[in-house]
Amino acid sequence: MTRRKSRPTKSDRTREAILAAARTLFAEKGYEGATVRDIAGAANIDPSMVIRYFGGKEALFAQAAELNLRLPDLKNVPEDRWGEALVRHFLAIWEGESGINGLPVALRSAASNELAAERLRGIFTDQVAPALAKVAAGGPSTTAGLVSSQLLGLAFCRYVLKLPPVVALSSEQIVVEVGRVIQGLLKPG
């Protein structure tokens, strides 16, 4: 007997529409700038539905900012390519097919909202530091912090500030140039 995949219910579609609208608006306006009314309008629903499905703006934000970086295992990458592998992966997250994900939501909001800042710290603590601890030459936490500062600084300049010289760089130029910096942090020599 073959089991057929069930179709999303109207409730599932409404929930996804709210979440998609929230990700877009939080990424564009940050936590403080996006209102429940704005999100509901973008999802073509009544604002009360946002409260019904998510309980409020903070709970909605928590789900919209969820992110699994799925960092590559650098032990499977040639040692002299670690920096490039991380930068290439990072750019794929920002410039990939999905377009909007939890990282721009959290980054844009972190400067003005403690919940968003805590989300980014959690990503660092739970995902970045453990992944880099496997290969870091210096103190794993220090190295992970410095690598994160480079990647988040790049993201802020390229995707939030839209600094023209950084936006003008091709992805491959960024992989090579920023990859070289990150390689130096991971494997000083």
N, C-alpha and C. Protein backbone atom coordinates (compact mmCIF):
# COMPACT_ATOMS: atom_id res chain seq x y z
N MET A 1 0.84 -1.17 0.00
CA MET A 1 0.00 0.00 0.00
C MET A 1 0.88 1.24 0.00
N THR A 2 0.70 2.10 -0.97
CA THR A 2 1.48 3.32 -1.08
C THR A 2 0.78 4.44 -0.31
N ARG A 3 1.56 5.12 0.48
CA ARG A 3 1.02 6.23 1.24
C ARG A 3 1.18 7.52 0.46
N ARG A 4 0.09 8.24 0.30
CA ARG A 4 0.13 9.49 -0.45
C ARG A 4 0.43 10.64 0.49
N LYS A 5 1.19 11.54 -0.02
CA LYS A 5 1.53 12.73 0.75
C LYS A 5 0.30 13.63 0.83
N SER A 6 -0.03 14.01 2.03
CA SER A 6 -1.22 14.85 2.18
C SER A 6 -0.91 16.29 1.77
N ARG A 7 -1.91 16.94 1.28
CA ARG A 7 -1.79 18.34 0.87
C ARG A 7 -1.79 19.22 2.11
N PRO A 8 -1.12 20.35 2.01
CA PRO A 8 -1.18 21.29 3.14
C PRO A 8 -2.62 21.77 3.34
N THR A 9 -3.01 21.87 4.58
CA THR A 9 -4.35 22.36 4.89
C THR A 9 -4.37 23.87 4.74
N LYS A 10 -5.58 24.43 4.78
CA LYS A 10 -5.72 25.88 4.73
C LYS A 10 -4.98 26.50 5.91
N SER A 11 -5.05 25.86 7.06
CA SER A 11 -4.36 26.33 8.25
C SER A 11 -2.84 26.35 8.02
N ASP A 12 -2.31 25.29 7.40
CA ASP A 12 -0.87 25.23 7.09
C ASP A 12 -0.48 26.35 6.13
N ARG A 13 -1.30 26.58 5.12
CA ARG A 13 -1.00 27.63 4.14
C ARG A 13 -1.04 29.00 4.79
N THR A 14 -2.00 29.22 5.69
CA THR A 14 -2.09 30.51 6.39
C THR A 14 -0.86 30.72 7.26
N ARG A 15 -0.49 29.70 7.99
CA ARG A 15 0.69 29.77 8.86
C ARG A 15 1.95 30.09 8.05
N GLU A 16 2.11 29.41 6.92
CA GLU A 16 3.28 29.64 6.06
C GLU A 16 3.25 31.04 5.45
N ALA A 17 2.08 31.53 5.07
CA ALA A 17 1.96 32.88 4.52
C ALA A 17 2.36 33.92 5.56
N ILE A 18 1.94 33.71 6.80
CA ILE A 18 2.32 34.63 7.88
C ILE A 18 3.82 34.59 8.09
N LEU A 19 4.38 33.40 8.15
CA LEU A 19 5.82 33.25 8.38
C LEU A 19 6.64 33.87 7.24
N ALA A 20 6.21 33.65 6.00
CA ALA A 20 6.92 34.23 4.85
C ALA A 20 6.85 35.76 4.89
N ALA A 21 5.68 36.30 5.18
CA ALA A 21 5.55 37.76 5.28
C ALA A 21 6.40 38.30 6.41
N ALA A 22 6.42 37.60 7.53
CA ALA A 22 7.22 38.04 8.68
C ALA A 22 8.70 38.03 8.34
N ARG A 23 9.18 36.98 7.69
CA ARG A 23 10.60 36.93 7.33
C ARG A 23 10.98 38.10 6.43
N THR A 24 10.14 38.36 5.46
CA THR A 24 10.41 39.46 4.53
C THR A 24 10.43 40.80 5.26
N LEU A 25 9.40 41.06 6.05
CA LEU A 25 9.31 42.37 6.73
C LEU A 25 10.35 42.52 7.83
N PHE A 26 10.62 41.48 8.60
CA PHE A 26 11.68 41.57 9.62
C PHE A 26 13.03 41.80 8.94
N ALA A 27 13.26 41.15 7.80
CA ALA A 27 14.53 41.34 7.09
C ALA A 27 14.64 42.75 6.54
N GLU A 28 13.53 43.32 6.07
CA GLU A 28 13.55 44.67 5.49
C GLU A 28 13.56 45.75 6.56
N LYS A 29 12.76 45.59 7.62
CA LYS A 29 12.53 46.66 8.59
C LYS A 29 13.10 46.40 9.97
N GLY A 30 13.57 45.18 10.23
CA GLY A 30 14.02 44.83 11.56
C GLY A 30 12.82 44.55 12.47
N TYR A 31 13.11 44.09 13.66
CA TYR A 31 12.05 43.73 14.60
C TYR A 31 11.19 44.93 14.96
N GLU A 32 11.83 46.03 15.30
CA GLU A 32 11.10 47.21 15.75
C GLU A 32 10.24 47.82 14.64
N GLY A 33 10.71 47.76 13.40
CA GLY A 33 10.01 48.41 12.30
C GLY A 33 8.84 47.63 11.72
N ALA A 34 8.84 46.32 11.92
CA ALA A 34 7.76 45.49 11.37
C ALA A 34 6.67 45.33 12.43
N THR A 35 5.45 45.63 12.06
CA THR A 35 4.34 45.50 13.00
C THR A 35 3.50 44.27 12.64
N VAL A 36 2.73 43.82 13.62
CA VAL A 36 1.81 42.70 13.37
C VAL A 36 0.84 43.08 12.27
N ARG A 37 0.40 44.31 12.27
CA ARG A 37 -0.54 44.79 11.23
C ARG A 37 0.13 44.73 9.84
N ASP A 38 1.40 45.15 9.76
CA ASP A 38 2.13 45.08 8.48
C ASP A 38 2.24 43.64 7.99
N ILE A 39 2.60 42.76 8.90
CA ILE A 39 2.79 41.35 8.56
C ILE A 39 1.47 40.75 8.08
N ALA A 40 0.41 41.03 8.82
CA ALA A 40 -0.91 40.52 8.43
C ALA A 40 -1.31 41.06 7.05
N GLY A 41 -1.05 42.33 6.81
CA GLY A 41 -1.37 42.92 5.51
C GLY A 41 -0.61 42.24 4.38
N ALA A 42 0.67 41.98 4.61
CA ALA A 42 1.48 41.31 3.58
C ALA A 42 1.02 39.88 3.34
N ALA A 43 0.45 39.26 4.37
CA ALA A 43 -0.05 37.88 4.23
C ALA A 43 -1.52 37.85 3.81
N ASN A 44 -2.11 39.03 3.63
CA ASN A 44 -3.53 39.15 3.24
C ASN A 44 -4.48 38.47 4.22
N ILE A 45 -4.22 38.72 5.50
CA ILE A 45 -5.09 38.18 6.55
C ILE A 45 -5.36 39.25 7.59
N ASP A 46 -6.27 38.97 8.48
CA ASP A 46 -6.58 39.87 9.59
C ASP A 46 -5.47 39.76 10.64
N PRO A 47 -5.07 40.86 11.28
CA PRO A 47 -4.01 40.82 12.31
C PRO A 47 -4.30 39.82 13.44
N SER A 48 -5.57 39.59 13.73
CA SER A 48 -5.89 38.65 14.81
C SER A 48 -5.41 37.24 14.48
N MET A 49 -5.27 36.93 13.19
CA MET A 49 -4.79 35.60 12.79
C MET A 49 -3.32 35.41 13.15
N VAL A 50 -2.54 36.49 13.10
CA VAL A 50 -1.13 36.39 13.51
C VAL A 50 -1.07 35.99 14.98
N ILE A 51 -1.90 36.63 15.80
CA ILE A 51 -1.95 36.32 17.23
C ILE A 51 -2.44 34.89 17.42
N ARG A 52 -3.45 34.49 16.67
CA ARG A 52 -4.00 33.14 16.81
C ARG A 52 -2.96 32.08 16.50
N TYR A 53 -2.20 32.27 15.43
CA TYR A 53 -1.24 31.25 15.01
C TYR A 53 0.09 31.30 15.77
N PHE A 54 0.50 32.49 16.18
CA PHE A 54 1.83 32.62 16.78
C PHE A 54 1.84 33.18 18.19
N GLY A 55 0.73 33.70 18.66
CA GLY A 55 0.67 34.22 20.02
C GLY A 55 1.12 35.66 20.15
N GLY A 56 1.83 36.19 19.17
CA GLY A 56 2.29 37.57 19.21
C GLY A 56 3.54 37.77 18.38
N LYS A 57 3.97 39.00 18.32
CA LYS A 57 5.10 39.38 17.49
C LYS A 57 6.39 38.70 17.94
N GLU A 58 6.63 38.61 19.24
CA GLU A 58 7.88 38.03 19.73
C GLU A 58 7.98 36.54 19.36
N ALA A 59 6.90 35.80 19.55
CA ALA A 59 6.90 34.38 19.20
C ALA A 59 7.04 34.19 17.68
N LEU A 60 6.40 35.06 16.92
CA LEU A 60 6.53 35.00 15.46
C LEU A 60 7.97 35.28 15.05
N PHE A 61 8.57 36.28 15.66
CA PHE A 61 9.95 36.61 15.36
C PHE A 61 10.87 35.42 15.67
N ALA A 62 10.63 34.77 16.81
CA ALA A 62 11.46 33.62 17.20
C ALA A 62 11.44 32.55 16.11
N GLN A 63 10.28 32.31 15.52
CA GLN A 63 10.20 31.30 14.46
C GLN A 63 10.77 31.82 13.14
N ALA A 64 10.55 33.08 12.84
CA ALA A 64 11.06 33.66 11.59
C ALA A 64 12.59 33.72 11.59
N ALA A 65 13.19 33.86 12.75
CA ALA A 65 14.65 33.99 12.85
C ALA A 65 15.35 32.65 13.09
N GLU A 66 14.59 31.54 13.07
CA GLU A 66 15.21 30.22 13.22
C GLU A 66 16.15 29.98 12.05
N LEU A 67 17.29 29.40 12.35
CA LEU A 67 18.25 29.17 11.28
C LEU A 67 19.20 28.05 11.65
N ASN A 68 19.34 27.11 10.75
CA ASN A 68 20.37 26.09 10.88
C ASN A 68 21.37 26.37 9.76
N LEU A 69 22.56 26.79 10.13
CA LEU A 69 23.56 27.16 9.13
C LEU A 69 24.07 25.96 8.33
N ARG A 70 23.93 24.76 8.86
CA ARG A 70 24.44 23.56 8.19
C ARG A 70 25.87 23.79 7.70
N LEU A 71 26.72 24.21 8.63
CA LEU A 71 28.10 24.50 8.29
C LEU A 71 28.80 23.24 7.78
N PRO A 72 29.67 23.43 6.80
CA PRO A 72 30.39 22.26 6.28
C PRO A 72 31.36 21.72 7.33
N ASP A 73 31.57 20.42 7.34
CA ASP A 73 32.57 19.82 8.22
C ASP A 73 33.92 20.07 7.56
N LEU A 74 34.68 20.97 8.15
CA LEU A 74 35.95 21.36 7.53
C LEU A 74 36.98 20.24 7.51
N LYS A 75 36.77 19.19 8.29
CA LYS A 75 37.68 18.04 8.24
C LYS A 75 37.57 17.33 6.89
N ASN A 76 36.48 17.57 6.16
CA ASN A 76 36.28 16.98 4.83
C ASN A 76 36.71 17.91 3.71
N VAL A 77 37.33 19.04 4.07
CA VAL A 77 37.77 20.04 3.10
C VAL A 77 39.29 20.14 3.19
N PRO A 78 39.99 20.25 2.06
CA PRO A 78 41.45 20.42 2.15
C PRO A 78 41.79 21.61 3.05
N GLU A 79 42.77 21.42 3.90
CA GLU A 79 43.14 22.41 4.91
C GLU A 79 43.39 23.80 4.33
N ASP A 80 43.97 23.89 3.15
CA ASP A 80 44.27 25.19 2.56
C ASP A 80 43.04 25.84 1.91
N ARG A 81 41.87 25.21 2.01
CA ARG A 81 40.63 25.74 1.43
C ARG A 81 39.55 26.01 2.48
N TRP A 82 39.87 25.92 3.75
CA TRP A 82 38.89 26.12 4.81
C TRP A 82 38.21 27.49 4.71
N GLY A 83 39.00 28.54 4.56
CA GLY A 83 38.44 29.89 4.50
C GLY A 83 37.49 30.05 3.33
N GLU A 84 37.92 29.60 2.16
CA GLU A 84 37.07 29.69 0.97
C GLU A 84 35.79 28.87 1.15
N ALA A 85 35.89 27.70 1.74
CA ALA A 85 34.71 26.85 1.94
C ALA A 85 33.69 27.53 2.83
N LEU A 86 34.16 28.17 3.90
CA LEU A 86 33.23 28.87 4.80
C LEU A 86 32.58 30.06 4.12
N VAL A 87 33.35 30.85 3.40
CA VAL A 87 32.80 32.03 2.73
C VAL A 87 31.82 31.61 1.63
N ARG A 88 32.16 30.59 0.87
CA ARG A 88 31.26 30.10 -0.19
C ARG A 88 29.94 29.62 0.42
N HIS A 89 30.02 28.91 1.53
CA HIS A 89 28.82 28.43 2.20
C HIS A 89 27.99 29.60 2.72
N PHE A 90 28.65 30.56 3.32
CA PHE A 90 27.99 31.74 3.86
C PHE A 90 27.27 32.52 2.76
N LEU A 91 27.92 32.72 1.63
CA LEU A 91 27.29 33.42 0.51
C LEU A 91 26.09 32.63 -0.03
N ALA A 92 26.19 31.31 -0.04
CA ALA A 92 25.08 30.48 -0.51
C ALA A 92 23.86 30.68 0.39
N ILE A 93 24.08 30.87 1.67
CA ILE A 93 22.96 31.12 2.59
C ILE A 93 22.30 32.45 2.24
N TRP A 94 23.10 33.48 2.01
CA TRP A 94 22.56 34.81 1.75
C TRP A 94 22.04 34.98 0.34
N GLU A 95 22.70 34.36 -0.62
CA GLU A 95 22.34 34.59 -2.02
C GLU A 95 21.69 33.38 -2.65
N GLY A 96 21.37 32.38 -1.86
CA GLY A 96 20.81 31.14 -2.36
C GLY A 96 19.38 31.27 -2.83
N GLU A 97 18.82 30.13 -3.19
CA GLU A 97 17.49 30.05 -3.77
C GLU A 97 16.41 30.63 -2.87
N SER A 98 16.52 30.38 -1.56
CA SER A 98 15.43 30.80 -0.67
C SER A 98 15.32 32.32 -0.54
N GLY A 99 16.43 33.01 -0.75
CA GLY A 99 16.40 34.47 -0.70
C GLY A 99 16.25 35.04 0.69
N ILE A 100 15.19 34.71 1.39
CA ILE A 100 14.96 35.22 2.73
C ILE A 100 15.04 34.06 3.70
N ASN A 101 15.83 34.22 4.71
CA ASN A 101 15.91 33.21 5.75
C ASN A 101 16.16 33.90 7.08
N GLY A 102 16.39 33.13 8.10
CA GLY A 102 16.54 33.68 9.44
C GLY A 102 17.74 34.58 9.65
N LEU A 103 18.80 34.42 8.89
CA LEU A 103 20.00 35.22 9.12
C LEU A 103 19.80 36.71 8.85
N PRO A 104 19.24 37.12 7.70
CA PRO A 104 19.02 38.56 7.53
C PRO A 104 18.02 39.12 8.53
N VAL A 105 17.05 38.30 8.92
CA VAL A 105 16.06 38.74 9.91
C VAL A 105 16.78 39.05 11.21
N ALA A 106 17.60 38.13 11.67
CA ALA A 106 18.30 38.32 12.94
C ALA A 106 19.33 39.45 12.85
N LEU A 107 20.09 39.51 11.76
CA LEU A 107 21.13 40.53 11.63
C LEU A 107 20.56 41.94 11.62
N ARG A 108 19.53 42.16 10.82
CA ARG A 108 18.94 43.50 10.74
C ARG A 108 18.36 43.93 12.08
N SER A 109 17.84 42.98 12.83
CA SER A 109 17.14 43.30 14.07
C SER A 109 18.04 43.33 15.30
N ALA A 110 19.20 42.70 15.24
CA ALA A 110 20.03 42.51 16.43
C ALA A 110 20.51 43.80 17.08
N ALA A 111 20.72 44.83 16.30
CA ALA A 111 21.23 46.08 16.87
C ALA A 111 20.21 46.78 17.77
N SER A 112 18.94 46.53 17.52
CA SER A 112 17.91 47.26 18.28
C SER A 112 17.02 46.37 19.13
N ASN A 113 17.24 45.06 19.07
CA ASN A 113 16.34 44.16 19.78
C ASN A 113 17.14 43.06 20.46
N GLU A 114 16.97 42.93 21.76
CA GLU A 114 17.73 41.95 22.53
C GLU A 114 17.39 40.51 22.13
N LEU A 115 16.13 40.24 21.79
CA LEU A 115 15.75 38.90 21.35
C LEU A 115 16.52 38.50 20.09
N ALA A 116 16.64 39.41 19.16
CA ALA A 116 17.38 39.14 17.92
C ALA A 116 18.86 38.96 18.21
N ALA A 117 19.40 39.80 19.08
CA ALA A 117 20.81 39.67 19.46
C ALA A 117 21.06 38.32 20.12
N GLU A 118 20.13 37.90 20.96
CA GLU A 118 20.26 36.60 21.62
C GLU A 118 20.20 35.46 20.59
N ARG A 119 19.38 35.61 19.57
CA ARG A 119 19.31 34.61 18.49
C ARG A 119 20.67 34.45 17.82
N LEU A 120 21.30 35.58 17.49
CA LEU A 120 22.61 35.51 16.84
C LEU A 120 23.66 34.92 17.77
N ARG A 121 23.62 35.30 19.04
CA ARG A 121 24.56 34.70 20.00
C ARG A 121 24.33 33.20 20.11
N GLY A 122 23.07 32.78 20.06
CA GLY A 122 22.76 31.35 20.11
C GLY A 122 23.29 30.60 18.90
N ILE A 123 23.16 31.20 17.73
CA ILE A 123 23.71 30.58 16.52
C ILE A 123 25.22 30.44 16.65
N PHE A 124 25.87 31.47 17.18
CA PHE A 124 27.31 31.42 17.39
C PHE A 124 27.67 30.30 18.37
N THR A 125 27.02 30.28 19.52
CA THR A 125 27.33 29.32 20.57
C THR A 125 27.01 27.89 20.17
N ASP A 126 25.88 27.69 19.53
CA ASP A 126 25.41 26.34 19.23
C ASP A 126 25.92 25.77 17.91
N GLN A 127 26.25 26.65 16.96
CA GLN A 127 26.63 26.15 15.64
C GLN A 127 28.04 26.53 15.21
N VAL A 128 28.36 27.82 15.28
CA VAL A 128 29.64 28.28 14.74
C VAL A 128 30.82 27.83 15.61
N ALA A 129 30.78 28.13 16.90
CA ALA A 129 31.91 27.78 17.78
C ALA A 129 32.21 26.28 17.76
N PRO A 130 31.21 25.40 17.90
CA PRO A 130 31.53 23.97 17.87
C PRO A 130 32.11 23.51 16.53
N ALA A 131 31.60 24.05 15.43
CA ALA A 131 32.10 23.64 14.11
C ALA A 131 33.56 24.07 13.93
N LEU A 132 33.89 25.27 14.38
CA LEU A 132 35.26 25.75 14.18
C LEU A 132 36.22 25.22 15.24
N ALA A 133 35.72 24.77 16.36
CA ALA A 133 36.58 24.21 17.41
C ALA A 133 37.34 22.99 16.89
N LYS A 134 36.78 22.31 15.92
CA LYS A 134 37.42 21.12 15.36
C LYS A 134 38.71 21.44 14.60
N VAL A 135 38.83 22.68 14.11
CA VAL A 135 39.98 23.01 13.26
C VAL A 135 40.74 24.26 13.71
N ALA A 136 40.23 24.99 14.68
CA ALA A 136 40.82 26.28 15.06
C ALA A 136 42.23 26.10 15.60
N ALA A 137 43.15 26.93 15.10
CA ALA A 137 44.54 26.88 15.54
C ALA A 137 44.71 27.54 16.90
N GLY A 138 44.05 28.67 17.11
CA GLY A 138 44.14 29.37 18.38
C GLY A 138 43.07 28.84 19.31
N GLY A 139 42.68 29.65 20.27
CA GLY A 139 41.57 29.26 21.12
C GLY A 139 40.32 29.16 20.27
N PRO A 140 39.61 28.03 20.33
CA PRO A 140 38.45 27.83 19.46
C PRO A 140 37.42 28.94 19.57
N SER A 141 37.15 29.41 20.77
CA SER A 141 36.14 30.44 20.94
C SER A 141 36.60 31.77 20.34
N THR A 142 37.86 32.11 20.55
CA THR A 142 38.40 33.35 20.00
C THR A 142 38.41 33.30 18.48
N THR A 143 38.87 32.19 17.93
CA THR A 143 38.90 32.05 16.47
C THR A 143 37.49 32.13 15.90
N ALA A 144 36.55 31.42 16.51
CA ALA A 144 35.16 31.45 16.04
C ALA A 144 34.60 32.86 16.11
N GLY A 145 34.93 33.60 17.15
CA GLY A 145 34.46 34.98 17.28
C GLY A 145 35.01 35.87 16.18
N LEU A 146 36.29 35.70 15.88
CA LEU A 146 36.90 36.51 14.83
C LEU A 146 36.35 36.15 13.44
N VAL A 147 36.16 34.87 13.18
CA VAL A 147 35.58 34.44 11.90
C VAL A 147 34.17 35.00 11.77
N SER A 148 33.40 34.90 12.84
CA SER A 148 32.03 35.43 12.83
C SER A 148 32.02 36.92 12.58
N SER A 149 32.96 37.64 13.18
CA SER A 149 33.00 39.09 12.98
C SER A 149 33.27 39.44 11.51
N GLN A 150 34.09 38.66 10.85
CA GLN A 150 34.37 38.90 9.43
C GLN A 150 33.13 38.63 8.58
N LEU A 151 32.47 37.49 8.83
CA LEU A 151 31.31 37.12 8.02
C LEU A 151 30.11 38.01 8.29
N LEU A 152 29.86 38.34 9.54
CA LEU A 152 28.73 39.23 9.86
C LEU A 152 29.01 40.65 9.39
N GLY A 153 30.26 41.08 9.46
CA GLY A 153 30.63 42.40 8.93
C GLY A 153 30.41 42.45 7.42
N LEU A 154 30.81 41.39 6.73
CA LEU A 154 30.57 41.29 5.29
C LEU A 154 29.08 41.36 5.00
N ALA A 155 28.29 40.58 5.73
CA ALA A 155 26.84 40.55 5.52
C ALA A 155 26.23 41.93 5.76
N PHE A 156 26.65 42.58 6.82
CA PHE A 156 26.11 43.89 7.13
C PHE A 156 26.42 44.89 6.02
N CYS A 157 27.67 44.90 5.55
CA CYS A 157 28.07 45.85 4.50
C CYS A 157 27.43 45.52 3.15
N ARG A 158 27.32 44.25 2.81
CA ARG A 158 26.82 43.85 1.49
C ARG A 158 25.29 43.82 1.42
N TYR A 159 24.63 43.34 2.47
CA TYR A 159 23.20 43.09 2.38
C TYR A 159 22.32 44.06 3.17
N VAL A 160 22.88 44.71 4.18
CA VAL A 160 22.08 45.64 4.97
C VAL A 160 22.41 47.07 4.57
N LEU A 161 23.68 47.48 4.71
CA LEU A 161 24.09 48.82 4.29
C LEU A 161 24.12 48.97 2.77
N LYS A 162 24.36 47.88 2.09
CA LYS A 162 24.51 47.86 0.63
C LYS A 162 25.60 48.84 0.19
N LEU A 163 26.74 48.71 0.84
CA LEU A 163 27.92 49.54 0.56
C LEU A 163 28.37 49.26 -0.88
N PRO A 164 28.33 50.28 -1.78
CA PRO A 164 28.56 50.04 -3.21
C PRO A 164 29.82 49.23 -3.56
N PRO A 165 31.00 49.51 -2.98
CA PRO A 165 32.16 48.71 -3.39
C PRO A 165 32.03 47.23 -3.00
N VAL A 166 31.33 46.95 -1.91
CA VAL A 166 31.16 45.56 -1.48
C VAL A 166 30.08 44.88 -2.31
N VAL A 167 29.01 45.60 -2.62
CA VAL A 167 27.94 45.05 -3.45
C VAL A 167 28.48 44.76 -4.85
N ALA A 168 29.39 45.58 -5.34
CA ALA A 168 29.92 45.43 -6.69
C ALA A 168 30.81 44.19 -6.86
N LEU A 169 31.33 43.65 -5.78
CA LEU A 169 32.20 42.48 -5.87
C LEU A 169 31.39 41.25 -6.29
N SER A 170 31.99 40.44 -7.13
CA SER A 170 31.34 39.17 -7.49
C SER A 170 31.46 38.23 -6.30
N SER A 171 30.62 37.23 -6.28
CA SER A 171 30.69 36.24 -5.21
C SER A 171 32.06 35.58 -5.19
N GLU A 172 32.60 35.30 -6.37
CA GLU A 172 33.91 34.64 -6.43
C GLU A 172 35.02 35.55 -5.88
N GLN A 173 34.96 36.86 -6.15
CA GLN A 173 35.94 37.77 -5.56
C GLN A 173 35.86 37.75 -4.04
N ILE A 174 34.66 37.72 -3.52
CA ILE A 174 34.49 37.67 -2.07
C ILE A 174 35.03 36.37 -1.51
N VAL A 175 34.74 35.26 -2.18
CA VAL A 175 35.24 33.97 -1.72
C VAL A 175 36.76 34.01 -1.62
N VAL A 176 37.42 34.53 -2.63
CA VAL A 176 38.89 34.57 -2.65
C VAL A 176 39.43 35.53 -1.59
N GLU A 177 38.94 36.77 -1.59
CA GLU A 177 39.51 37.80 -0.70
C GLU A 177 39.16 37.58 0.77
N VAL A 178 37.88 37.40 1.06
CA VAL A 178 37.49 37.18 2.46
C VAL A 178 37.93 35.79 2.90
N GLY A 179 37.91 34.84 1.97
CA GLY A 179 38.39 33.49 2.28
C GLY A 179 39.83 33.51 2.74
N ARG A 180 40.66 34.36 2.13
CA ARG A 180 42.07 34.47 2.52
C ARG A 180 42.19 34.98 3.96
N VAL A 181 41.37 35.95 4.34
CA VAL A 181 41.38 36.49 5.70
C VAL A 181 40.96 35.42 6.70
N ILE A 182 39.90 34.73 6.37
CA ILE A 182 39.38 33.69 7.29
C ILE A 182 40.36 32.53 7.37
N GLN A 183 40.98 32.20 6.26
CA GLN A 183 42.00 31.14 6.27
C GLN A 183 43.13 31.50 7.24
N GLY A 184 43.52 32.77 7.24
CA GLY A 184 44.56 33.23 8.16
C GLY A 184 44.15 33.14 9.61
N LEU A 185 42.86 33.32 9.88
CA LEU A 185 42.37 33.20 11.25
C LEU A 185 42.33 31.73 11.70
N LEU A 186 41.96 30.85 10.77
CA LEU A 186 41.85 29.44 11.09
C LEU A 186 43.20 28.75 11.14
N LYS A 187 44.08 29.16 10.27
CA LYS A 187 45.38 28.48 10.13
C LYS A 187 46.47 29.53 9.96
N PRO A 188 46.78 30.28 11.04
CA PRO A 188 47.81 31.32 10.89
C PRO A 188 49.14 30.69 10.49
N GLY A 189 49.84 31.41 9.66
CA GLY A 189 51.09 30.76 9.30
C GLY A 189 51.96 31.64 8.55
